[in-house]
């Protein structure tokens, strides 16, 4: 367990440097929102999505730097969604990753603008992959365009935002079906993980079947990750999670755990993770770290 934790930490530190390279300087009349943006994205975190993108890219033989802007863009999109999730109109959380949330520090209006700023900066950053492509190679440019398109769709109304919409509406419902809940988990959580792994595969030149395999694998990882998150909200501690526990109950959210219970939820996490690792094992490239990472995620305590 310690070896995989060390490997994750090393990769996360490298990814942190990549992300920092694309962050804005805190100057000008708009300095406050730039500060709020940087405060949000530099609050720590697992850097799971850019890590999955980078490792999938490597697994399919990718070796260039065009993946780096998309890695940073993916983390910007993920961070903006957290900033907006924490707002009073959403989950109204005061802590994230062990420190005050963006809107708590900078005010609600600036929290909204910081999220907006990160989302727009994400696309500006992703577009920087094009000059890194091999000059004059149409196929290479098409791969970059395809990866950006997947990221855009999975982050939008047919992906993450659609899932957030369904999640908000579910809070007002007396009963949520398992079908609705899985829709929310697939779109709100798994979609951006799918985007990361699919984009990594696309950039490396994977074929259509391999890209679909990564979409399915990432679905399993995303659903398992979310169910584990729901389990930790019940069984974890403030010190472990860096945020208040029991927030789902406080917000009257129905989760996989409230519907199926902790034990059945844990079994589903194991099943989904096992299937994801089977998919990774079927790929010709080196999937060793990705399989270890997937296994580690199901046992995480934060």
C-alpha atoms as a PDB file:
ATOM      1  CA  UNK A   1       0.000   0.000   0.000  1.00  0.00           C
ATOM      2  CA  UNK A   2       2.844   2.405   0.881  1.00  0.00           C
ATOM      3  CA  UNK A   3       4.527   1.845  -2.490  1.00  0.00           C
ATOM      4  CA  UNK A   4       1.426   2.828  -4.464  1.00  0.00           C
ATOM      5  CA  UNK A   5       0.877   5.833  -2.189  1.00  0.00           C
ATOM      6  CA  UNK A   6       4.439   6.985  -2.863  1.00  0.00           C
ATOM      7  CA  UNK A   7       3.980   6.448  -6.622  1.00  0.00           C
ATOM      8  CA  UNK A   8       0.744   8.450  -6.559  1.00  0.00           C
ATOM      9  CA  UNK A   9       2.396  11.246  -4.577  1.00  0.00           C
ATOM     10  CA  UNK A  10       5.309  11.450  -7.030  1.00  0.00           C
ATOM     11  CA  UNK A  11       2.976  11.633 -10.000  1.00  0.00           C
ATOM     12  CA  UNK A  12       0.717  14.136  -8.237  1.00  0.00           C
ATOM     13  CA  UNK A  13       3.727  16.372  -7.524  1.00  0.00           C
ATOM     14  CA  UNK A  14       4.730  16.298 -11.199  1.00  0.00           C
ATOM     15  CA  UNK A  15       1.147  17.050 -12.237  1.00  0.00           C
ATOM     16  CA  UNK A  16       1.058  19.936  -9.759  1.00  0.00           C
ATOM     17  CA  UNK A  17       3.978  21.535 -11.593  1.00  0.00           C
ATOM     18  CA  UNK A  18       2.221  21.075 -14.940  1.00  0.00           C
ATOM     19  CA  UNK A  19      -0.941  22.722 -13.594  1.00  0.00           C
ATOM     20  CA  UNK A  20       0.979  25.626 -12.051  1.00  0.00           C
ATOM     21  CA  UNK A  21       2.562  26.374 -15.418  1.00  0.00           C
ATOM     22  CA  UNK A  22      -0.878  27.217 -16.838  1.00  0.00           C
ATOM     23  CA  UNK A  23      -2.233  29.290 -13.939  1.00  0.00           C
ATOM     24  CA  UNK A  24      -2.682  33.061 -14.302  1.00  0.00           C
ATOM     25  CA  UNK A  25      -0.524  35.737 -12.700  1.00  0.00           C
ATOM     26  CA  UNK A  26      -2.431  37.582  -9.976  1.00  0.00           C
ATOM     27  CA  UNK A  27      -2.238  41.084 -11.465  1.00  0.00           C
ATOM     28  CA  UNK A  28      -4.493  43.779 -12.888  1.00  0.00           C
ATOM     29  CA  UNK A  29      -7.927  45.030 -11.935  1.00  0.00           C
ATOM     30  CA  UNK A  30      -9.205  41.434 -12.078  1.00  0.00           C
ATOM     31  CA  UNK A  31      -6.588  40.297  -9.551  1.00  0.00           C
ATOM     32  CA  UNK A  32      -9.143  39.211  -6.929  1.00  0.00           C
ATOM     33  CA  UNK A  33     -10.813  36.656  -9.162  1.00  0.00           C
ATOM     34  CA  UNK A  34      -7.403  35.390 -10.290  1.00  0.00           C
ATOM     35  CA  UNK A  35      -6.413  34.957  -6.646  1.00  0.00           C
ATOM     36  CA  UNK A  36      -9.661  33.091  -5.976  1.00  0.00           C
ATOM     37  CA  UNK A  37      -9.072  30.832  -8.979  1.00  0.00           C
ATOM     38  CA  UNK A  38      -5.545  29.977  -7.868  1.00  0.00           C
ATOM     39  CA  UNK A  39      -6.681  29.508  -4.263  1.00  0.00           C
ATOM     40  CA  UNK A  40      -9.251  26.988  -5.482  1.00  0.00           C
ATOM     41  CA  UNK A  41      -7.051  24.887  -7.731  1.00  0.00           C
ATOM     42  CA  UNK A  42      -4.017  24.927  -5.418  1.00  0.00           C
ATOM     43  CA  UNK A  43      -6.003  23.661  -2.431  1.00  0.00           C
ATOM     44  CA  UNK A  44      -4.548  20.195  -2.918  1.00  0.00           C
ATOM     45  CA  UNK A  45      -6.495  17.173  -4.074  1.00  0.00           C
ATOM     46  CA  UNK A  46      -5.621  13.827  -5.583  1.00  0.00           C
ATOM     47  CA  UNK A  47      -5.107  15.112  -9.166  1.00  0.00           C
ATOM     48  CA  UNK A  48      -6.812  11.852 -10.087  1.00  0.00           C
ATOM     49  CA  UNK A  49      -8.249  12.929 -13.434  1.00  0.00           C
ATOM     50  CA  UNK A  50      -5.060  14.340 -14.985  1.00  0.00           C
ATOM     51  CA  UNK A  51      -3.218  11.335 -13.554  1.00  0.00           C
ATOM     52  CA  UNK A  52      -5.622   8.933 -15.254  1.00  0.00           C
ATOM     53  CA  UNK A  53      -5.290  10.890 -18.505  1.00  0.00           C
ATOM     54  CA  UNK A  54      -1.490  10.841 -18.406  1.00  0.00           C
ATOM     55  CA  UNK A  55      -1.255   7.156 -17.515  1.00  0.00           C
ATOM     56  CA  UNK A  56      -3.797   6.132 -20.180  1.00  0.00           C
ATOM     57  CA  UNK A  57      -1.848   8.192 -22.723  1.00  0.00           C
ATOM     58  CA  UNK A  58       1.362   6.371 -21.751  1.00  0.00           C
ATOM     59  CA  UNK A  59      -0.358   2.965 -21.736  1.00  0.00           C
ATOM     60  CA  UNK A  60      -1.314   3.401 -25.393  1.00  0.00           C
ATOM     61  CA  UNK A  61       2.184   4.525 -26.334  1.00  0.00           C
ATOM     62  CA  UNK A  62       1.912   8.308 -26.064  1.00  0.00           C
ATOM     63  CA  UNK A  63       5.173  10.101 -25.353  1.00  0.00           C
ATOM     64  CA  UNK A  64       4.714  13.772 -26.321  1.00  0.00           C
ATOM     65  CA  UNK A  65       3.764  16.840 -24.315  1.00  0.00           C
ATOM     66  CA  UNK A  66       0.436  17.605 -26.003  1.00  0.00           C
ATOM     67  CA  UNK A  67      -1.304  15.740 -23.174  1.00  0.00           C
ATOM     68  CA  UNK A  68      -0.155  18.307 -20.592  1.00  0.00           C
ATOM     69  CA  UNK A  69      -2.483  21.218 -21.492  1.00  0.00           C
ATOM     70  CA  UNK A  70      -5.437  18.832 -21.469  1.00  0.00           C
ATOM     71  CA  UNK A  71      -4.362  17.449 -18.096  1.00  0.00           C
ATOM     72  CA  UNK A  72      -4.325  20.975 -16.660  1.00  0.00           C
ATOM     73  CA  UNK A  73      -7.624  21.823 -18.360  1.00  0.00           C
ATOM     74  CA  UNK A  74      -9.307  18.741 -16.902  1.00  0.00           C
ATOM     75  CA  UNK A  75      -8.251  19.680 -13.370  1.00  0.00           C
ATOM     76  CA  UNK A  76      -9.487  23.248 -13.929  1.00  0.00           C
ATOM     77  CA  UNK A  77     -12.890  21.912 -14.978  1.00  0.00           C
ATOM     78  CA  UNK A  78     -13.004  19.563 -11.996  1.00  0.00           C
ATOM     79  CA  UNK A  79     -12.031  22.399  -9.624  1.00  0.00           C
ATOM     80  CA  UNK A  80     -14.595  24.838 -11.005  1.00  0.00           C
ATOM     81  CA  UNK A  81     -17.295  22.213 -10.432  1.00  0.00           C
ATOM     82  CA  UNK A  82     -16.217  21.881  -6.789  1.00  0.00           C
ATOM     83  CA  UNK A  83     -16.183  25.659  -6.303  1.00  0.00           C
ATOM     84  CA  UNK A  84     -19.739  25.879  -7.609  1.00  0.00           C
ATOM     85  CA  UNK A  85     -20.846  22.755  -5.688  1.00  0.00           C
ATOM     86  CA  UNK A  86     -19.771  24.437  -2.439  1.00  0.00           C
ATOM     87  CA  UNK A  87     -21.840  27.592  -3.065  1.00  0.00           C
ATOM     88  CA  UNK A  88     -24.809  28.418  -0.795  1.00  0.00           C
ATOM     89  CA  UNK A  89     -27.213  27.683  -3.669  1.00  0.00           C
ATOM     90  CA  UNK A  90     -25.753  24.187  -4.014  1.00  0.00           C
ATOM     91  CA  UNK A  91     -24.257  22.249  -1.065  1.00  0.00           C
ATOM     92  CA  UNK A  92     -23.378  25.303   1.055  1.00  0.00           C
ATOM     93  CA  UNK A  93     -20.153  23.773   2.382  1.00  0.00           C
ATOM     94  CA  UNK A  94     -17.623  25.784   4.365  1.00  0.00           C
ATOM     95  CA  UNK A  95     -14.680  23.378   4.080  1.00  0.00           C
ATOM     96  CA  UNK A  96     -13.035  21.609   1.167  1.00  0.00           C
ATOM     97  CA  UNK A  97      -9.778  19.628   1.345  1.00  0.00           C
ATOM     98  CA  UNK A  98      -9.218  20.765   4.923  1.00  0.00           C
ATOM     99  CA  UNK A  99      -9.543  24.503   4.420  1.00  0.00           C
ATOM    100  CA  UNK A 100     -12.195  27.166   3.860  1.00  0.00           C
ATOM    101  CA  UNK A 101     -14.072  26.953   0.568  1.00  0.00           C
ATOM    102  CA  UNK A 102     -13.583  29.641  -2.050  1.00  0.00           C
ATOM    103  CA  UNK A 103     -16.894  31.433  -1.498  1.00  0.00           C
ATOM    104  CA  UNK A 104     -16.292  31.435   2.273  1.00  0.00           C
ATOM    105  CA  UNK A 105     -12.975  33.241   1.805  1.00  0.00           C
ATOM    106  CA  UNK A 106     -13.770  35.515  -1.149  1.00  0.00           C
ATOM    107  CA  UNK A 107     -17.555  35.893  -0.970  1.00  0.00           C
ATOM    108  CA  UNK A 108     -20.335  34.264  -2.941  1.00  0.00           C
ATOM    109  CA  UNK A 109     -20.092  36.511  -6.008  1.00  0.00           C
ATOM    110  CA  UNK A 110     -16.362  35.969  -6.325  1.00  0.00           C
ATOM    111  CA  UNK A 111     -16.886  32.241  -5.840  1.00  0.00           C
ATOM    112  CA  UNK A 112     -19.204  32.208  -8.836  1.00  0.00           C
ATOM    113  CA  UNK A 113     -16.753  34.238 -10.912  1.00  0.00           C
ATOM    114  CA  UNK A 114     -13.795  32.067  -9.862  1.00  0.00           C
ATOM    115  CA  UNK A 115     -15.650  28.982 -11.113  1.00  0.00           C
ATOM    116  CA  UNK A 116     -16.541  30.747 -14.347  1.00  0.00           C
ATOM    117  CA  UNK A 117     -12.950  31.870 -14.732  1.00  0.00           C
ATOM    118  CA  UNK A 118     -11.564  28.350 -14.259  1.00  0.00           C
ATOM    119  CA  UNK A 119     -13.967  26.894 -16.797  1.00  0.00           C
ATOM    120  CA  UNK A 120     -13.018  29.447 -19.434  1.00  0.00           C
ATOM    121  CA  UNK A 121      -9.328  29.134 -18.622  1.00  0.00           C
ATOM    122  CA  UNK A 122      -9.664  25.378 -19.112  1.00  0.00           C
ATOM    123  CA  UNK A 123     -10.590  25.773 -22.789  1.00  0.00           C
ATOM    124  CA  UNK A 124      -7.938  28.433 -23.319  1.00  0.00           C
ATOM    125  CA  UNK A 125      -5.413  25.993 -21.825  1.00  0.00           C
ATOM    126  CA  UNK A 126      -6.632  22.943 -23.761  1.00  0.00           C
ATOM    127  CA  UNK A 127      -6.204  24.800 -27.035  1.00  0.00           C
ATOM    128  CA  UNK A 128      -2.498  25.176 -26.306  1.00  0.00           C
ATOM    129  CA  UNK A 129      -2.102  21.491 -27.176  1.00  0.00           C
ATOM    130  CA  UNK A 130      -2.377  22.297 -30.891  1.00  0.00           C
ATOM    131  CA  UNK A 131       0.993  24.049 -31.299  1.00  0.00           C
ATOM    132  CA  UNK A 132       2.554  21.024 -29.552  1.00  0.00           C
ATOM    133  CA  UNK A 133       1.298  18.687 -32.272  1.00  0.00           C
ATOM    134  CA  UNK A 134       3.632  17.575 -35.011  1.00  0.00           C
ATOM    135  CA  UNK A 135       3.723  20.299 -37.608  1.00  0.00           C
ATOM    136  CA  UNK A 136       1.784  19.503 -40.748  1.00  0.00           C
ATOM    137  CA  UNK A 137       0.490  16.146 -39.528  1.00  0.00           C
ATOM    138  CA  UNK A 138      -3.274  16.231 -40.023  1.00  0.00           C
ATOM    139  CA  UNK A 139      -3.912  13.012 -38.112  1.00  0.00           C
ATOM    140  CA  UNK A 140      -2.118  14.389 -35.060  1.00  0.00           C
ATOM    141  CA  UNK A 141      -4.208  17.572 -35.101  1.00  0.00           C
ATOM    142  CA  UNK A 142      -7.362  15.500 -35.475  1.00  0.00           C
ATOM    143  CA  UNK A 143      -6.453  13.497 -32.387  1.00  0.00           C
ATOM    144  CA  UNK A 144      -6.023  16.678 -30.360  1.00  0.00           C
ATOM    145  CA  UNK A 145      -9.344  18.027 -31.648  1.00  0.00           C
ATOM    146  CA  UNK A 146     -11.026  14.719 -30.822  1.00  0.00           C
ATOM    147  CA  UNK A 147      -9.668  14.754 -27.271  1.00  0.00           C
ATOM    148  CA  UNK A 148     -10.834  18.350 -26.703  1.00  0.00           C
ATOM    149  CA  UNK A 149     -14.276  17.480 -28.102  1.00  0.00           C
ATOM    150  CA  UNK A 150     -14.650  14.526 -25.722  1.00  0.00           C
ATOM    151  CA  UNK A 151     -13.635  16.700 -22.777  1.00  0.00           C
ATOM    152  CA  UNK A 152     -16.160  19.374 -23.791  1.00  0.00           C
ATOM    153  CA  UNK A 153     -19.054  16.924 -24.101  1.00  0.00           C
ATOM    154  CA  UNK A 154     -18.321  15.000 -20.908  1.00  0.00           C
ATOM    155  CA  UNK A 155     -18.005  18.260 -18.946  1.00  0.00           C
ATOM    156  CA  UNK A 156     -21.205  19.776 -20.339  1.00  0.00           C
ATOM    157  CA  UNK A 157     -24.963  19.280 -20.208  1.00  0.00           C
ATOM    158  CA  UNK A 158     -24.651  15.740 -21.570  1.00  0.00           C
ATOM    159  CA  UNK A 159     -22.087  14.941 -18.894  1.00  0.00           C
ATOM    160  CA  UNK A 160     -21.105  16.558 -15.601  1.00  0.00           C
ATOM    161  CA  UNK A 161     -23.495  19.522 -15.695  1.00  0.00           C
ATOM    162  CA  UNK A 162     -26.357  17.210 -16.653  1.00  0.00           C
ATOM    163  CA  UNK A 163     -25.514  15.027 -13.670  1.00  0.00           C
ATOM    164  CA  UNK A 164     -25.430  18.035 -11.354  1.00  0.00           C
ATOM    165  CA  UNK A 165     -28.834  19.104 -12.662  1.00  0.00           C
ATOM    166  CA  UNK A 166     -30.331  15.673 -11.959  1.00  0.00           C
ATOM    167  CA  UNK A 167     -28.683  15.681  -8.524  1.00  0.00           C
ATOM    168  CA  UNK A 168     -30.259  19.005  -7.549  1.00  0.00           C
ATOM    169  CA  UNK A 169     -33.677  17.868  -8.735  1.00  0.00           C
ATOM    170  CA  UNK A 170     -33.324  14.592  -6.849  1.00  0.00           C
ATOM    171  CA  UNK A 171     -32.931  16.527  -3.586  1.00  0.00           C
ATOM    172  CA  UNK A 172     -36.518  17.716  -3.988  1.00  0.00           C
ATOM    173  CA  UNK A 173     -37.879  14.216  -4.634  1.00  0.00           C
ATOM    174  CA  UNK A 174     -39.302  12.062  -1.849  1.00  0.00           C
ATOM    175  CA  UNK A 175     -37.782   8.944  -3.381  1.00  0.00           C
ATOM    176  CA  UNK A 176     -34.971   8.496  -5.909  1.00  0.00           C
ATOM    177  CA  UNK A 177     -34.799   5.329  -7.980  1.00  0.00           C
ATOM    178  CA  UNK A 178     -31.561   3.412  -8.494  1.00  0.00           C
ATOM    179  CA  UNK A 179     -31.811   4.293 -12.204  1.00  0.00           C
ATOM    180  CA  UNK A 180     -31.873   8.010 -11.370  1.00  0.00           C
ATOM    181  CA  UNK A 181     -29.044   7.635  -8.890  1.00  0.00           C
ATOM    182  CA  UNK A 182     -26.819   5.817 -11.380  1.00  0.00           C
ATOM    183  CA  UNK A 183     -27.579   8.498 -13.981  1.00  0.00           C
ATOM    184  CA  UNK A 184     -26.394  11.116 -11.487  1.00  0.00           C
ATOM    185  CA  UNK A 185     -23.239   9.177 -10.621  1.00  0.00           C
ATOM    186  CA  UNK A 186     -22.455   8.406 -14.267  1.00  0.00           C
ATOM    187  CA  UNK A 187     -22.793  12.002 -15.373  1.00  0.00           C
ATOM    188  CA  UNK A 188     -21.759  14.006 -12.321  1.00  0.00           C
ATOM    189  CA  UNK A 189     -18.757  11.884 -11.305  1.00  0.00           C
ATOM    190  CA  UNK A 190     -17.820   9.282 -13.921  1.00  0.00           C
ATOM    191  CA  UNK A 191     -18.141  11.554 -16.979  1.00  0.00           C
ATOM    192  CA  UNK A 192     -15.021  13.600 -16.264  1.00  0.00           C
ATOM    193  CA  UNK A 193     -13.050  10.447 -15.449  1.00  0.00           C
ATOM    194  CA  UNK A 194     -14.266   9.044 -18.770  1.00  0.00           C
ATOM    195  CA  UNK A 195     -13.134  12.242 -20.479  1.00  0.00           C
ATOM    196  CA  UNK A 196      -9.681  11.918 -18.913  1.00  0.00           C
ATOM    197  CA  UNK A 197      -9.096   8.306 -19.942  1.00  0.00           C
ATOM    198  CA  UNK A 198     -10.719   8.641 -23.372  1.00  0.00           C
ATOM    199  CA  UNK A 199      -8.752  11.808 -24.144  1.00  0.00           C
ATOM    200  CA  UNK A 200      -5.515  10.120 -23.090  1.00  0.00           C
ATOM    201  CA  UNK A 201      -6.282   7.184 -25.379  1.00  0.00           C
ATOM    202  CA  UNK A 202      -7.299   9.430 -28.295  1.00  0.00           C
ATOM    203  CA  UNK A 203      -4.159  11.554 -28.026  1.00  0.00           C
ATOM    204  CA  UNK A 204      -1.986   8.426 -28.101  1.00  0.00           C
ATOM    205  CA  UNK A 205      -3.682   7.141 -31.259  1.00  0.00           C
ATOM    206  CA  UNK A 206      -5.863   4.370 -29.783  1.00  0.00           C
ATOM    207  CA  UNK A 207      -8.492   2.864 -32.069  1.00  0.00           C
ATOM    208  CA  UNK A 208     -12.256   3.237 -31.610  1.00  0.00           C
ATOM    209  CA  UNK A 209     -12.675  -0.076 -29.783  1.00  0.00           C
ATOM    210  CA  UNK A 210      -9.902   0.799 -27.338  1.00  0.00           C
ATOM    211  CA  UNK A 211     -11.408   4.234 -26.715  1.00  0.00           C
ATOM    212  CA  UNK A 212     -14.779   2.596 -25.907  1.00  0.00           C
ATOM    213  CA  UNK A 213     -13.005   0.179 -23.566  1.00  0.00           C
ATOM    214  CA  UNK A 214     -11.570   3.157 -21.691  1.00  0.00           C
ATOM    215  CA  UNK A 215     -15.012   4.768 -21.555  1.00  0.00           C
ATOM    216  CA  UNK A 216     -16.411   1.628 -19.901  1.00  0.00           C
ATOM    217  CA  UNK A 217     -13.424   1.239 -17.595  1.00  0.00           C
ATOM    218  CA  UNK A 218     -13.711   4.862 -16.486  1.00  0.00           C
ATOM    219  CA  UNK A 219     -17.455   4.421 -15.919  1.00  0.00           C
ATOM    220  CA  UNK A 220     -16.685   1.627 -13.480  1.00  0.00           C
ATOM    221  CA  UNK A 221     -13.963   3.630 -11.750  1.00  0.00           C
ATOM    222  CA  UNK A 222     -16.208   6.688 -11.513  1.00  0.00           C
ATOM    223  CA  UNK A 223     -19.220   4.858 -10.099  1.00  0.00           C
ATOM    224  CA  UNK A 224     -17.030   2.927  -7.649  1.00  0.00           C
ATOM    225  CA  UNK A 225     -15.277   6.156  -6.625  1.00  0.00           C
ATOM    226  CA  UNK A 226     -18.604   7.898  -5.964  1.00  0.00           C
ATOM    227  CA  UNK A 227     -20.069   4.997  -3.984  1.00  0.00           C
ATOM    228  CA  UNK A 228     -16.872   4.891  -1.910  1.00  0.00           C
ATOM    229  CA  UNK A 229     -17.273   8.642  -1.353  1.00  0.00           C
ATOM    230  CA  UNK A 230     -20.822   8.019  -0.104  1.00  0.00           C
ATOM    231  CA  UNK A 231     -19.530   5.276   2.211  1.00  0.00           C
ATOM    232  CA  UNK A 232     -16.864   7.593   3.624  1.00  0.00           C
ATOM    233  CA  UNK A 233     -19.483  10.291   4.240  1.00  0.00           C
ATOM    234  CA  UNK A 234     -21.052   7.816   6.686  1.00  0.00           C
ATOM    235  CA  UNK A 235     -17.983   6.044   8.086  1.00  0.00           C
ATOM    236  CA  UNK A 236     -15.167   8.597   7.751  1.00  0.00           C
ATOM    237  CA  UNK A 237     -13.998  11.396  10.041  1.00  0.00           C
ATOM    238  CA  UNK A 238     -13.490  15.136   9.605  1.00  0.00           C
ATOM    239  CA  UNK A 239      -9.732  14.636  10.030  1.00  0.00           C
ATOM    240  CA  UNK A 240      -9.584  11.972   7.300  1.00  0.00           C
ATOM    241  CA  UNK A 241     -11.785  13.718   4.750  1.00  0.00           C
ATOM    242  CA  UNK A 242     -10.857  17.358   5.361  1.00  0.00           C
ATOM    243  CA  UNK A 243     -14.543  18.296   5.308  1.00  0.00           C
ATOM    244  CA  UNK A 244     -17.545  17.713   7.570  1.00  0.00           C
ATOM    245  CA  UNK A 245     -18.924  14.177   7.526  1.00  0.00           C
ATOM    246  CA  UNK A 246     -22.625  13.487   7.207  1.00  0.00           C
ATOM    247  CA  UNK A 247     -23.090  16.245   4.598  1.00  0.00           C
ATOM    248  CA  UNK A 248     -25.316  13.965   2.518  1.00  0.00           C
ATOM    249  CA  UNK A 249     -27.672  13.488   5.452  1.00  0.00           C
ATOM    250  CA  UNK A 250     -27.547  17.212   6.244  1.00  0.00           C
ATOM    251  CA  UNK A 251     -28.563  18.019   2.670  1.00  0.00           C
ATOM    252  CA  UNK A 252     -31.191  15.236   2.637  1.00  0.00           C
ATOM    253  CA  UNK A 253     -29.398  13.476  -0.201  1.00  0.00           C
ATOM    254  CA  UNK A 254     -30.312   9.951  -1.122  1.00  0.00           C
ATOM    255  CA  UNK A 255     -27.211   7.977  -2.015  1.00  0.00           C
ATOM    256  CA  UNK A 256     -26.243   4.445  -2.958  1.00  0.00           C
ATOM    257  CA  UNK A 257     -25.555   3.864   0.741  1.00  0.00           C
ATOM    258  CA  UNK A 258     -28.956   5.144   1.932  1.00  0.00           C
ATOM    259  CA  UNK A 259     -30.694   2.901  -0.624  1.00  0.00           C
ATOM    260  CA  UNK A 260     -28.573  -0.269  -0.435  1.00  0.00           C
ATOM    261  CA  UNK A 261     -26.675   0.046   2.841  1.00  0.00           C
ATOM    262  CA  UNK A 262     -22.948   0.160   3.573  1.00  0.00           C
ATOM    263  CA  UNK A 263     -22.162  -3.552   3.100  1.00  0.00           C
ATOM    264  CA  UNK A 264     -23.939  -3.910  -0.257  1.00  0.00           C
ATOM    265  CA  UNK A 265     -22.368  -0.634  -1.394  1.00  0.00           C
ATOM    266  CA  UNK A 266     -18.900  -1.903  -0.494  1.00  0.00           C
ATOM    267  CA  UNK A 267     -19.505  -5.104  -2.473  1.00  0.00           C
ATOM    268  CA  UNK A 268     -20.546  -3.057  -5.510  1.00  0.00           C
ATOM    269  CA  UNK A 269     -17.376  -0.979  -5.255  1.00  0.00           C
ATOM    270  CA  UNK A 270     -15.356  -4.191  -5.307  1.00  0.00           C
ATOM    271  CA  UNK A 271     -17.264  -5.593  -8.303  1.00  0.00           C
ATOM    272  CA  UNK A 272     -16.931  -2.421 -10.374  1.00  0.00           C
ATOM    273  CA  UNK A 273     -13.256  -2.067  -9.566  1.00  0.00           C
ATOM    274  CA  UNK A 274     -12.548  -5.695 -10.430  1.00  0.00           C
ATOM    275  CA  UNK A 275     -14.227  -5.300 -13.814  1.00  0.00           C
ATOM    276  CA  UNK A 276     -12.271  -2.105 -14.467  1.00  0.00           C
ATOM    277  CA  UNK A 277      -9.006  -3.889 -13.733  1.00  0.00           C
ATOM    278  CA  UNK A 278      -9.980  -6.738 -16.050  1.00  0.00           C
ATOM    279  CA  UNK A 279     -10.472  -4.227 -18.865  1.00  0.00           C
ATOM    280  CA  UNK A 280      -7.074  -2.654 -18.146  1.00  0.00           C
ATOM    281  CA  UNK A 281      -5.422  -6.083 -18.086  1.00  0.00           C
ATOM    282  CA  UNK A 282      -6.755  -6.789 -21.576  1.00  0.00           C
ATOM    283  CA  UNK A 283      -4.886  -3.801 -23.063  1.00  0.00           C
ATOM    284  CA  UNK A 284      -1.528  -4.590 -24.704  1.00  0.00           C
ATOM    285  CA  UNK A 285       0.286  -1.633 -23.134  1.00  0.00           C
ATOM    286  CA  UNK A 286       1.654  -1.410 -19.593  1.00  0.00           C
ATOM    287  CA  UNK A 287      -1.402  -1.000 -17.347  1.00  0.00           C
ATOM    288  CA  UNK A 288       0.369  -1.878 -14.100  1.00  0.00           C
ATOM    289  CA  UNK A 289       0.115   1.510 -12.433  1.00  0.00           C
ATOM    290  CA  UNK A 290      -3.457   2.103 -13.581  1.00  0.00           C
ATOM    291  CA  UNK A 291      -4.511  -1.222 -12.083  1.00  0.00           C
ATOM    292  CA  UNK A 292      -2.735  -0.437  -8.817  1.00  0.00           C
ATOM    293  CA  UNK A 293      -4.332   3.015  -8.728  1.00  0.00           C
ATOM    294  CA  UNK A 294      -7.802   1.546  -9.301  1.00  0.00           C
ATOM    295  CA  UNK A 295      -7.275  -0.979  -6.499  1.00  0.00           C
ATOM    296  CA  UNK A 296      -5.991   1.754  -4.183  1.00  0.00           C
ATOM    297  CA  UNK A 297      -9.042   3.945  -4.762  1.00  0.00           C
ATOM    298  CA  UNK A 298     -11.461   1.349  -3.433  1.00  0.00           C
ATOM    299  CA  UNK A 299      -9.596   1.185  -0.109  1.00  0.00           C
ATOM    300  CA  UNK A 300      -9.032   4.909   0.338  1.00  0.00           C
ATOM    301  CA  UNK A 301     -10.054   6.611   3.572  1.00  0.00           C
ATOM    302  CA  UNK A 302     -10.229  10.125   2.137  1.00  0.00           C
END
